[in-house]
Amino acid sequence: MSPIPDFIDNYHLPAGEHECTFDEIEQKFVNNSQRQKVWADFKRLYDRFSSLGLTPKSLIVDGSFVTRRELPGDVDFGALILPSVVKKALDDMNDSHDKAAIKMFSDPSCQNLIRDLFGAHMLVVPNEFGLRQISKLFRTGGDQFGKLRDRDPNRDPDWVTIPQEKGILRMNLY
């Protein structure tokens, strides 16, 4: 595994997926109080679904958090959680509230609720194909949008240009 690369345009990571660890993300991207807050929100979410037995096989991290934006709003990420992991978590769980939480984290229609509760955008997929689709969406805007979002004039410096493809981070956890 190589270290997270430098920004190519002083703002975006080079195109592609860059494999890393939690510690490497913290070292490169958690450098002010806003970034500490959104990273803590993300870690709280990650710790909660891990405590329920929903440890993802892989995570893809994206959004303004993996740019040089000074004040990102949140962490966007995709999580590969295998159906067998969800089934085992449900089978092993006795507490009805925790079972409901497992179902919430596994349900794509609950993304807005999760965002409201934890301050992070989470997309959960059951297989590697789904994670590749999320990766493509994050890196290029995907087939649905065809391009990345335009520069945010309220939060990005005037000199920022949007590349055709940007870099994202990938953590393989097992």
N, C-alpha and C. Protein backbone atom coordinates (compact mmCIF):
# COMPACT_ATOMS: atom_id res chain seq x y z
N MET A 1 0.85 -1.17 0.00
CA MET A 1 0.00 0.00 0.00
C MET A 1 0.90 1.24 0.00
N SER A 2 0.61 2.16 -0.90
CA SER A 2 1.35 3.42 -0.99
C SER A 2 0.67 4.47 -0.13
N PRO A 3 1.42 5.49 0.28
CA PRO A 3 0.77 6.57 1.03
C PRO A 3 -0.25 7.30 0.15
N ILE A 4 -1.17 7.98 0.79
CA ILE A 4 -2.14 8.78 0.04
C ILE A 4 -1.36 9.81 -0.77
N PRO A 5 -1.61 9.90 -2.07
CA PRO A 5 -0.81 10.83 -2.90
C PRO A 5 -1.15 12.29 -2.61
N ASP A 6 -0.25 13.15 -3.07
CA ASP A 6 -0.47 14.59 -2.96
C ASP A 6 -1.58 15.01 -3.92
N PHE A 7 -2.14 16.17 -3.66
CA PHE A 7 -3.17 16.73 -4.53
C PHE A 7 -2.55 17.10 -5.88
N ILE A 8 -3.26 16.81 -6.97
CA ILE A 8 -2.72 17.09 -8.31
C ILE A 8 -2.87 18.55 -8.70
N ASP A 9 -3.85 19.21 -8.18
CA ASP A 9 -4.12 20.60 -8.57
C ASP A 9 -4.23 21.49 -7.34
N ASN A 10 -3.58 21.02 -6.26
CA ASN A 10 -3.64 21.69 -4.97
C ASN A 10 -5.04 21.60 -4.35
N TYR A 11 -5.89 20.69 -4.88
CA TYR A 11 -7.25 20.57 -4.35
C TYR A 11 -7.81 19.15 -4.41
N HIS A 12 -7.58 18.41 -5.50
CA HIS A 12 -8.13 17.06 -5.69
C HIS A 12 -7.02 16.01 -5.67
N LEU A 13 -7.40 14.80 -5.26
CA LEU A 13 -6.48 13.67 -5.36
C LEU A 13 -6.39 13.23 -6.82
N PRO A 14 -5.27 12.60 -7.22
CA PRO A 14 -5.19 12.07 -8.58
C PRO A 14 -6.32 11.06 -8.84
N ALA A 15 -6.73 10.94 -10.10
CA ALA A 15 -7.82 10.03 -10.47
C ALA A 15 -7.55 8.62 -9.96
N GLY A 16 -8.63 7.93 -9.60
CA GLY A 16 -8.53 6.54 -9.18
C GLY A 16 -8.84 6.34 -7.71
N GLU A 17 -8.72 5.09 -7.29
CA GLU A 17 -8.89 4.72 -5.89
C GLU A 17 -7.52 4.60 -5.26
N HIS A 18 -7.37 5.17 -4.08
CA HIS A 18 -6.09 5.15 -3.38
C HIS A 18 -6.30 4.40 -2.06
N GLU A 19 -5.70 3.21 -1.96
CA GLU A 19 -5.87 2.38 -0.78
C GLU A 19 -5.13 2.99 0.40
N CYS A 20 -5.78 2.97 1.56
CA CYS A 20 -5.20 3.60 2.73
C CYS A 20 -5.81 2.99 4.00
N THR A 21 -5.40 3.53 5.13
CA THR A 21 -5.91 3.13 6.44
C THR A 21 -6.61 4.32 7.10
N PHE A 22 -7.31 4.02 8.19
CA PHE A 22 -7.93 5.10 8.97
C PHE A 22 -6.87 6.10 9.42
N ASP A 23 -5.75 5.59 9.93
CA ASP A 23 -4.69 6.48 10.43
C ASP A 23 -4.16 7.39 9.34
N GLU A 24 -3.96 6.86 8.13
CA GLU A 24 -3.46 7.69 7.03
C GLU A 24 -4.45 8.79 6.66
N ILE A 25 -5.73 8.47 6.69
CA ILE A 25 -6.75 9.50 6.41
C ILE A 25 -6.68 10.59 7.47
N GLU A 26 -6.60 10.19 8.73
CA GLU A 26 -6.54 11.17 9.81
C GLU A 26 -5.31 12.07 9.67
N GLN A 27 -4.18 11.48 9.33
CA GLN A 27 -2.95 12.27 9.20
C GLN A 27 -3.04 13.28 8.07
N LYS A 28 -3.67 12.91 6.95
CA LYS A 28 -3.70 13.80 5.79
C LYS A 28 -4.86 14.79 5.82
N PHE A 29 -6.01 14.38 6.33
CA PHE A 29 -7.22 15.18 6.14
C PHE A 29 -7.83 15.78 7.41
N VAL A 30 -7.42 15.34 8.59
CA VAL A 30 -8.02 15.86 9.83
C VAL A 30 -7.06 16.90 10.39
N ASN A 31 -7.21 18.15 9.90
CA ASN A 31 -6.23 19.18 10.23
C ASN A 31 -6.85 20.51 10.70
N ASN A 32 -8.14 20.50 11.00
CA ASN A 32 -8.76 21.68 11.62
C ASN A 32 -10.00 21.21 12.40
N SER A 33 -10.62 22.11 13.14
CA SER A 33 -11.72 21.70 14.02
C SER A 33 -12.93 21.18 13.24
N GLN A 34 -13.24 21.76 12.09
CA GLN A 34 -14.37 21.27 11.29
C GLN A 34 -14.09 19.86 10.78
N ARG A 35 -12.89 19.63 10.30
CA ARG A 35 -12.52 18.30 9.81
C ARG A 35 -12.50 17.30 10.97
N GLN A 36 -12.08 17.73 12.14
CA GLN A 36 -12.13 16.84 13.31
C GLN A 36 -13.56 16.45 13.62
N LYS A 37 -14.48 17.42 13.53
CA LYS A 37 -15.89 17.15 13.82
C LYS A 37 -16.50 16.16 12.83
N VAL A 38 -16.32 16.41 11.52
CA VAL A 38 -16.95 15.52 10.54
C VAL A 38 -16.31 14.14 10.58
N TRP A 39 -15.00 14.07 10.86
CA TRP A 39 -14.34 12.76 10.96
C TRP A 39 -14.84 12.03 12.21
N ALA A 40 -15.03 12.74 13.32
CA ALA A 40 -15.57 12.12 14.53
C ALA A 40 -16.99 11.60 14.29
N ASP A 41 -17.81 12.36 13.55
CA ASP A 41 -19.16 11.90 13.20
C ASP A 41 -19.09 10.61 12.39
N PHE A 42 -18.21 10.59 11.38
CA PHE A 42 -18.05 9.40 10.56
C PHE A 42 -17.59 8.22 11.42
N LYS A 43 -16.59 8.43 12.27
CA LYS A 43 -16.07 7.34 13.11
C LYS A 43 -17.14 6.83 14.07
N ARG A 44 -17.98 7.74 14.58
CA ARG A 44 -19.08 7.32 15.47
C ARG A 44 -20.04 6.41 14.72
N LEU A 45 -20.36 6.76 13.47
CA LEU A 45 -21.22 5.92 12.65
C LEU A 45 -20.54 4.57 12.38
N TYR A 46 -19.30 4.62 11.96
CA TYR A 46 -18.56 3.38 11.68
C TYR A 46 -18.50 2.49 12.93
N ASP A 47 -18.19 3.08 14.07
CA ASP A 47 -18.11 2.31 15.31
C ASP A 47 -19.45 1.70 15.68
N ARG A 48 -20.54 2.45 15.42
CA ARG A 48 -21.87 1.91 15.75
C ARG A 48 -22.21 0.71 14.88
N PHE A 49 -22.04 0.82 13.57
CA PHE A 49 -22.42 -0.36 12.79
C PHE A 49 -21.44 -1.50 12.98
N SER A 50 -20.20 -1.22 13.31
CA SER A 50 -19.26 -2.30 13.64
C SER A 50 -19.66 -2.98 14.94
N SER A 51 -20.12 -2.20 15.93
CA SER A 51 -20.54 -2.79 17.20
C SER A 51 -21.75 -3.71 17.03
N LEU A 52 -22.49 -3.51 15.95
CA LEU A 52 -23.65 -4.37 15.67
C LEU A 52 -23.27 -5.61 14.88
N GLY A 53 -21.98 -5.76 14.57
CA GLY A 53 -21.53 -6.91 13.79
C GLY A 53 -21.55 -6.65 12.29
N LEU A 54 -21.69 -5.39 11.89
CA LEU A 54 -21.77 -5.04 10.46
C LEU A 54 -20.45 -4.49 9.93
N THR A 55 -19.34 -5.09 10.34
CA THR A 55 -18.05 -4.60 9.86
C THR A 55 -17.98 -4.77 8.35
N PRO A 56 -17.73 -3.66 7.63
CA PRO A 56 -17.67 -3.74 6.18
C PRO A 56 -16.39 -4.44 5.71
N LYS A 57 -16.49 -5.06 4.57
CA LYS A 57 -15.31 -5.66 3.94
C LYS A 57 -14.42 -4.54 3.39
N SER A 58 -15.03 -3.52 2.81
CA SER A 58 -14.31 -2.38 2.25
C SER A 58 -15.13 -1.12 2.43
N LEU A 59 -14.42 0.01 2.48
CA LEU A 59 -15.04 1.33 2.51
C LEU A 59 -14.42 2.18 1.42
N ILE A 60 -15.24 3.01 0.79
CA ILE A 60 -14.75 4.01 -0.15
C ILE A 60 -15.14 5.37 0.43
N VAL A 61 -14.15 6.25 0.57
CA VAL A 61 -14.38 7.56 1.19
C VAL A 61 -14.24 8.63 0.12
N ASP A 62 -15.20 9.57 0.11
CA ASP A 62 -15.27 10.58 -0.94
C ASP A 62 -15.79 11.89 -0.35
N GLY A 63 -16.17 12.75 -1.26
CA GLY A 63 -16.79 14.02 -0.89
C GLY A 63 -15.76 15.10 -0.68
N SER A 64 -16.23 16.24 -0.24
CA SER A 64 -15.34 17.37 -0.02
C SER A 64 -14.31 17.05 1.05
N PHE A 65 -14.57 16.04 1.87
CA PHE A 65 -13.62 15.66 2.91
C PHE A 65 -12.28 15.23 2.33
N VAL A 66 -12.27 14.60 1.16
CA VAL A 66 -11.01 14.13 0.57
C VAL A 66 -10.47 15.13 -0.46
N THR A 67 -10.88 16.38 -0.32
CA THR A 67 -10.31 17.47 -1.11
C THR A 67 -9.59 18.39 -0.13
N ARG A 68 -9.16 19.51 -0.63
CA ARG A 68 -8.52 20.49 0.24
C ARG A 68 -9.52 21.53 0.74
N ARG A 69 -10.81 21.29 0.54
CA ARG A 69 -11.81 22.23 1.07
C ARG A 69 -11.59 22.38 2.57
N GLU A 70 -11.52 23.60 3.00
CA GLU A 70 -11.21 23.87 4.41
C GLU A 70 -12.32 23.40 5.34
N LEU A 71 -13.58 23.59 4.93
CA LEU A 71 -14.71 23.28 5.81
C LEU A 71 -15.67 22.29 5.15
N PRO A 72 -15.28 21.02 5.05
CA PRO A 72 -16.20 20.04 4.47
C PRO A 72 -17.42 19.86 5.37
N GLY A 73 -18.55 19.56 4.75
CA GLY A 73 -19.78 19.41 5.52
C GLY A 73 -19.93 18.05 6.17
N ASP A 74 -19.32 17.03 5.56
CA ASP A 74 -19.47 15.67 6.07
C ASP A 74 -18.49 14.77 5.35
N VAL A 75 -18.57 13.47 5.65
CA VAL A 75 -17.82 12.44 4.95
C VAL A 75 -18.83 11.62 4.16
N ASP A 76 -18.60 11.48 2.86
CA ASP A 76 -19.42 10.61 2.02
C ASP A 76 -18.67 9.29 1.88
N PHE A 77 -19.39 8.19 2.01
CA PHE A 77 -18.70 6.91 1.84
C PHE A 77 -19.64 5.80 1.40
N GLY A 78 -19.03 4.81 0.78
CA GLY A 78 -19.73 3.59 0.42
C GLY A 78 -19.16 2.46 1.24
N ALA A 79 -20.01 1.56 1.69
CA ALA A 79 -19.59 0.44 2.52
C ALA A 79 -20.05 -0.87 1.88
N LEU A 80 -19.11 -1.78 1.69
CA LEU A 80 -19.43 -3.13 1.22
C LEU A 80 -19.66 -4.00 2.44
N ILE A 81 -20.93 -4.30 2.69
CA ILE A 81 -21.30 -5.17 3.81
C ILE A 81 -22.01 -6.38 3.19
N LEU A 82 -21.36 -7.50 3.26
CA LEU A 82 -21.87 -8.71 2.62
C LEU A 82 -23.19 -9.16 3.25
N PRO A 83 -24.11 -9.70 2.44
CA PRO A 83 -25.38 -10.19 3.00
C PRO A 83 -25.18 -11.22 4.12
N SER A 84 -24.16 -12.06 4.01
CA SER A 84 -23.89 -13.05 5.05
C SER A 84 -23.53 -12.36 6.38
N VAL A 85 -22.88 -11.21 6.32
CA VAL A 85 -22.54 -10.45 7.52
C VAL A 85 -23.81 -9.88 8.15
N VAL A 86 -24.70 -9.35 7.32
CA VAL A 86 -25.97 -8.81 7.82
C VAL A 86 -26.79 -9.93 8.46
N LYS A 87 -26.87 -11.07 7.78
CA LYS A 87 -27.65 -12.20 8.30
C LYS A 87 -27.09 -12.67 9.64
N LYS A 88 -25.77 -12.83 9.73
CA LYS A 88 -25.15 -13.27 10.98
C LYS A 88 -25.40 -12.24 12.09
N ALA A 89 -25.28 -10.95 11.77
CA ALA A 89 -25.53 -9.92 12.78
C ALA A 89 -26.96 -10.00 13.31
N LEU A 90 -27.91 -10.18 12.39
CA LEU A 90 -29.31 -10.31 12.81
C LEU A 90 -29.53 -11.58 13.63
N ASP A 91 -28.92 -12.69 13.20
CA ASP A 91 -29.08 -13.96 13.93
C ASP A 91 -28.45 -13.90 15.32
N ASP A 92 -27.34 -13.19 15.45
CA ASP A 92 -26.62 -13.14 16.72
C ASP A 92 -27.20 -12.12 17.71
N MET A 93 -28.01 -11.20 17.20
CA MET A 93 -28.49 -10.09 18.03
C MET A 93 -29.78 -10.48 18.75
N ASN A 94 -29.83 -10.23 20.05
CA ASN A 94 -31.03 -10.51 20.83
C ASN A 94 -31.84 -9.26 21.11
N ASP A 95 -31.17 -8.12 21.17
CA ASP A 95 -31.83 -6.86 21.50
C ASP A 95 -32.65 -6.36 20.31
N SER A 96 -33.93 -6.08 20.50
CA SER A 96 -34.80 -5.66 19.40
C SER A 96 -34.40 -4.30 18.84
N HIS A 97 -33.90 -3.40 19.70
CA HIS A 97 -33.46 -2.08 19.21
C HIS A 97 -32.23 -2.22 18.31
N ASP A 98 -31.30 -3.09 18.70
CA ASP A 98 -30.11 -3.32 17.87
C ASP A 98 -30.48 -4.02 16.57
N LYS A 99 -31.43 -4.93 16.61
CA LYS A 99 -31.90 -5.56 15.36
C LYS A 99 -32.48 -4.51 14.42
N ALA A 100 -33.25 -3.58 14.98
CA ALA A 100 -33.82 -2.49 14.16
C ALA A 100 -32.69 -1.62 13.58
N ALA A 101 -31.65 -1.38 14.36
CA ALA A 101 -30.52 -0.59 13.87
C ALA A 101 -29.81 -1.32 12.73
N ILE A 102 -29.64 -2.62 12.85
CA ILE A 102 -29.02 -3.41 11.78
C ILE A 102 -29.83 -3.28 10.50
N LYS A 103 -31.14 -3.39 10.63
CA LYS A 103 -32.01 -3.26 9.45
C LYS A 103 -31.92 -1.86 8.86
N MET A 104 -31.86 -0.83 9.72
CA MET A 104 -31.74 0.55 9.23
C MET A 104 -30.45 0.73 8.45
N PHE A 105 -29.32 0.28 9.01
CA PHE A 105 -28.04 0.44 8.33
C PHE A 105 -27.98 -0.32 7.02
N SER A 106 -28.76 -1.38 6.90
CA SER A 106 -28.76 -2.22 5.70
C SER A 106 -29.75 -1.76 4.64
N ASP A 107 -30.60 -0.81 4.98
CA ASP A 107 -31.68 -0.38 4.09
C ASP A 107 -31.30 0.89 3.34
N PRO A 108 -31.15 0.82 2.00
CA PRO A 108 -30.77 2.02 1.23
C PRO A 108 -31.75 3.18 1.38
N SER A 109 -33.01 2.91 1.70
CA SER A 109 -33.98 3.99 1.84
C SER A 109 -33.79 4.79 3.13
N CYS A 110 -32.87 4.37 3.99
CA CYS A 110 -32.65 5.06 5.27
C CYS A 110 -31.45 6.01 5.23
N GLN A 111 -30.93 6.30 4.04
CA GLN A 111 -29.74 7.15 3.94
C GLN A 111 -29.95 8.52 4.58
N ASN A 112 -31.07 9.15 4.35
CA ASN A 112 -31.32 10.48 4.92
C ASN A 112 -31.42 10.44 6.44
N LEU A 113 -32.04 9.39 6.95
CA LEU A 113 -32.13 9.22 8.40
C LEU A 113 -30.73 9.06 9.00
N ILE A 114 -29.90 8.24 8.37
CA ILE A 114 -28.53 8.04 8.85
C ILE A 114 -27.76 9.35 8.80
N ARG A 115 -27.94 10.11 7.74
CA ARG A 115 -27.27 11.41 7.60
C ARG A 115 -27.70 12.34 8.74
N ASP A 116 -29.00 12.35 9.05
CA ASP A 116 -29.50 13.19 10.13
C ASP A 116 -28.96 12.75 11.49
N LEU A 117 -28.86 11.44 11.71
CA LEU A 117 -28.41 10.92 13.00
C LEU A 117 -26.91 11.03 13.20
N PHE A 118 -26.15 10.81 12.12
CA PHE A 118 -24.70 10.69 12.27
C PHE A 118 -23.90 11.73 11.48
N GLY A 119 -24.53 12.53 10.66
CA GLY A 119 -23.80 13.55 9.93
C GLY A 119 -22.87 13.02 8.86
N ALA A 120 -23.19 11.88 8.28
CA ALA A 120 -22.36 11.31 7.21
C ALA A 120 -23.29 10.69 6.17
N HIS A 121 -22.87 10.76 4.91
CA HIS A 121 -23.62 10.09 3.84
C HIS A 121 -23.06 8.69 3.66
N MET A 122 -23.90 7.68 3.82
CA MET A 122 -23.46 6.30 3.74
C MET A 122 -24.29 5.57 2.69
N LEU A 123 -23.61 4.94 1.75
CA LEU A 123 -24.25 4.06 0.79
C LEU A 123 -23.77 2.64 1.07
N VAL A 124 -24.69 1.72 1.36
CA VAL A 124 -24.33 0.34 1.66
C VAL A 124 -24.66 -0.52 0.46
N VAL A 125 -23.71 -1.37 0.08
CA VAL A 125 -23.91 -2.29 -1.03
C VAL A 125 -23.56 -3.70 -0.57
N PRO A 126 -24.18 -4.74 -1.23
CA PRO A 126 -23.97 -6.12 -0.80
C PRO A 126 -22.86 -6.86 -1.54
N ASN A 127 -22.25 -6.22 -2.55
CA ASN A 127 -21.24 -6.96 -3.32
C ASN A 127 -20.24 -5.99 -3.96
N GLU A 128 -19.17 -6.57 -4.48
CA GLU A 128 -18.10 -5.78 -5.07
C GLU A 128 -18.58 -5.00 -6.29
N PHE A 129 -19.50 -5.57 -7.06
CA PHE A 129 -20.06 -4.85 -8.21
C PHE A 129 -20.69 -3.53 -7.75
N GLY A 130 -21.48 -3.58 -6.69
CA GLY A 130 -22.10 -2.38 -6.16
C GLY A 130 -21.08 -1.36 -5.70
N LEU A 131 -20.00 -1.83 -5.09
CA LEU A 131 -18.96 -0.90 -4.65
C LEU A 131 -18.24 -0.27 -5.83
N ARG A 132 -18.04 -1.04 -6.91
CA ARG A 132 -17.44 -0.46 -8.12
C ARG A 132 -18.35 0.62 -8.70
N GLN A 133 -19.66 0.42 -8.65
CA GLN A 133 -20.61 1.43 -9.13
C GLN A 133 -20.54 2.71 -8.29
N ILE A 134 -20.45 2.55 -6.98
CA ILE A 134 -20.30 3.72 -6.11
C ILE A 134 -18.98 4.42 -6.40
N SER A 135 -17.93 3.64 -6.58
CA SER A 135 -16.63 4.22 -6.90
C SER A 135 -16.70 5.05 -8.18
N LYS A 136 -17.34 4.51 -9.19
CA LYS A 136 -17.48 5.24 -10.46
C LYS A 136 -18.29 6.52 -10.25
N LEU A 137 -19.37 6.44 -9.52
CA LEU A 137 -20.19 7.62 -9.24
C LEU A 137 -19.36 8.68 -8.52
N PHE A 138 -18.64 8.27 -7.48
CA PHE A 138 -17.82 9.22 -6.72
C PHE A 138 -16.71 9.83 -7.57
N ARG A 139 -16.05 9.03 -8.40
CA ARG A 139 -14.89 9.49 -9.15
C ARG A 139 -15.24 10.32 -10.38
N THR A 140 -16.39 10.00 -11.04
CA THR A 140 -16.69 10.61 -12.34
C THR A 140 -18.08 11.22 -12.45
N GLY A 141 -18.92 11.02 -11.47
CA GLY A 141 -20.31 11.43 -11.58
C GLY A 141 -21.17 10.28 -12.07
N GLY A 142 -20.53 9.20 -12.53
CA GLY A 142 -21.24 7.99 -12.94
C GLY A 142 -22.08 8.18 -14.19
N ASP A 143 -22.74 7.12 -14.58
CA ASP A 143 -23.61 7.15 -15.76
C ASP A 143 -24.82 8.04 -15.54
N GLN A 144 -25.28 8.11 -14.29
CA GLN A 144 -26.50 8.87 -13.99
C GLN A 144 -26.29 10.37 -14.24
N PHE A 145 -25.13 10.90 -13.82
CA PHE A 145 -24.89 12.33 -13.91
C PHE A 145 -23.94 12.69 -15.04
N GLY A 146 -23.02 11.80 -15.37
CA GLY A 146 -22.11 11.99 -16.49
C GLY A 146 -20.95 12.92 -16.23
N LYS A 147 -20.98 13.64 -15.10
CA LYS A 147 -19.86 14.51 -14.75
C LYS A 147 -19.92 14.80 -13.26
N LEU A 148 -18.81 15.28 -12.74
CA LEU A 148 -18.74 15.65 -11.34
C LEU A 148 -19.48 16.97 -11.11
N ARG A 149 -19.88 17.19 -9.87
CA ARG A 149 -20.53 18.44 -9.50
C ARG A 149 -19.64 19.63 -9.79
N ASP A 150 -20.26 20.75 -10.14
CA ASP A 150 -19.52 21.98 -10.36
C ASP A 150 -18.95 22.49 -9.04
N ARG A 151 -17.98 23.37 -9.14
CA ARG A 151 -17.39 24.02 -7.99
C ARG A 151 -18.49 24.74 -7.21
N ASP A 152 -18.43 24.66 -5.90
CA ASP A 152 -19.39 25.36 -5.05
C ASP A 152 -18.85 26.77 -4.81
N PRO A 153 -19.48 27.80 -5.39
CA PRO A 153 -18.95 29.16 -5.26
C PRO A 153 -18.94 29.68 -3.82
N ASN A 154 -19.73 29.08 -2.95
CA ASN A 154 -19.77 29.52 -1.56
C ASN A 154 -18.73 28.82 -0.68
N ARG A 155 -18.21 27.67 -1.14
CA ARG A 155 -17.30 26.91 -0.28
C ARG A 155 -15.96 26.57 -0.92
N ASP A 156 -15.83 26.74 -2.24
CA ASP A 156 -14.58 26.44 -2.92
C ASP A 156 -13.92 27.73 -3.39
N PRO A 157 -12.58 27.80 -3.33
CA PRO A 157 -11.89 28.98 -3.87
C PRO A 157 -12.18 29.17 -5.36
N ASP A 158 -12.07 30.40 -5.82
CA ASP A 158 -12.34 30.73 -7.23
C ASP A 158 -11.45 29.95 -8.20
N TRP A 159 -10.25 29.62 -7.81
CA TRP A 159 -9.30 28.97 -8.71
C TRP A 159 -9.54 27.48 -8.91
N VAL A 160 -10.46 26.88 -8.14
CA VAL A 160 -10.70 25.44 -8.25
C VAL A 160 -11.38 25.12 -9.58
N THR A 161 -10.84 24.12 -10.27
CA THR A 161 -11.48 23.58 -11.47
C THR A 161 -11.84 22.13 -11.19
N ILE A 162 -12.87 21.66 -11.83
CA ILE A 162 -13.35 20.30 -11.59
C ILE A 162 -12.75 19.38 -12.65
N PRO A 163 -12.03 18.34 -12.22
CA PRO A 163 -11.44 17.41 -13.18
C PRO A 163 -12.51 16.48 -13.76
N GLN A 164 -12.16 15.81 -14.85
CA GLN A 164 -13.09 14.82 -15.40
C GLN A 164 -13.24 13.65 -14.44
N GLU A 165 -12.16 13.29 -13.77
CA GLU A 165 -12.19 12.22 -12.77
C GLU A 165 -11.31 12.66 -11.61
N LYS A 166 -11.79 12.39 -10.41
CA LYS A 166 -11.02 12.73 -9.22
C LYS A 166 -10.67 11.46 -8.46
N GLY A 167 -9.80 11.61 -7.50
CA GLY A 167 -9.41 10.48 -6.69
C GLY A 167 -10.27 10.33 -5.46
N ILE A 168 -10.39 9.09 -5.01
CA ILE A 168 -11.11 8.76 -3.78
C ILE A 168 -10.24 7.80 -2.98
N LEU A 169 -10.67 7.50 -1.77
CA LEU A 169 -9.91 6.62 -0.88
C LEU A 169 -10.64 5.29 -0.70
N ARG A 170 -9.85 4.23 -0.57
CA ARG A 170 -10.43 2.90 -0.34
C ARG A 170 -9.71 2.24 0.81
N MET A 171 -10.50 1.72 1.74
CA MET A 171 -9.96 0.94 2.85
C MET A 171 -10.50 -0.48 2.72
N ASN A 172 -9.59 -1.43 2.59
CA ASN A 172 -9.97 -2.84 2.61
C ASN A 172 -9.75 -3.34 4.04
N LEU A 173 -10.82 -3.73 4.70
CA LEU A 173 -10.76 -4.00 6.13
C LEU A 173 -10.58 -5.47 6.47
N TYR A 174 -10.90 -6.38 5.54
CA TYR A 174 -10.58 -7.80 5.74
C TYR A 174 -10.60 -8.51 4.43
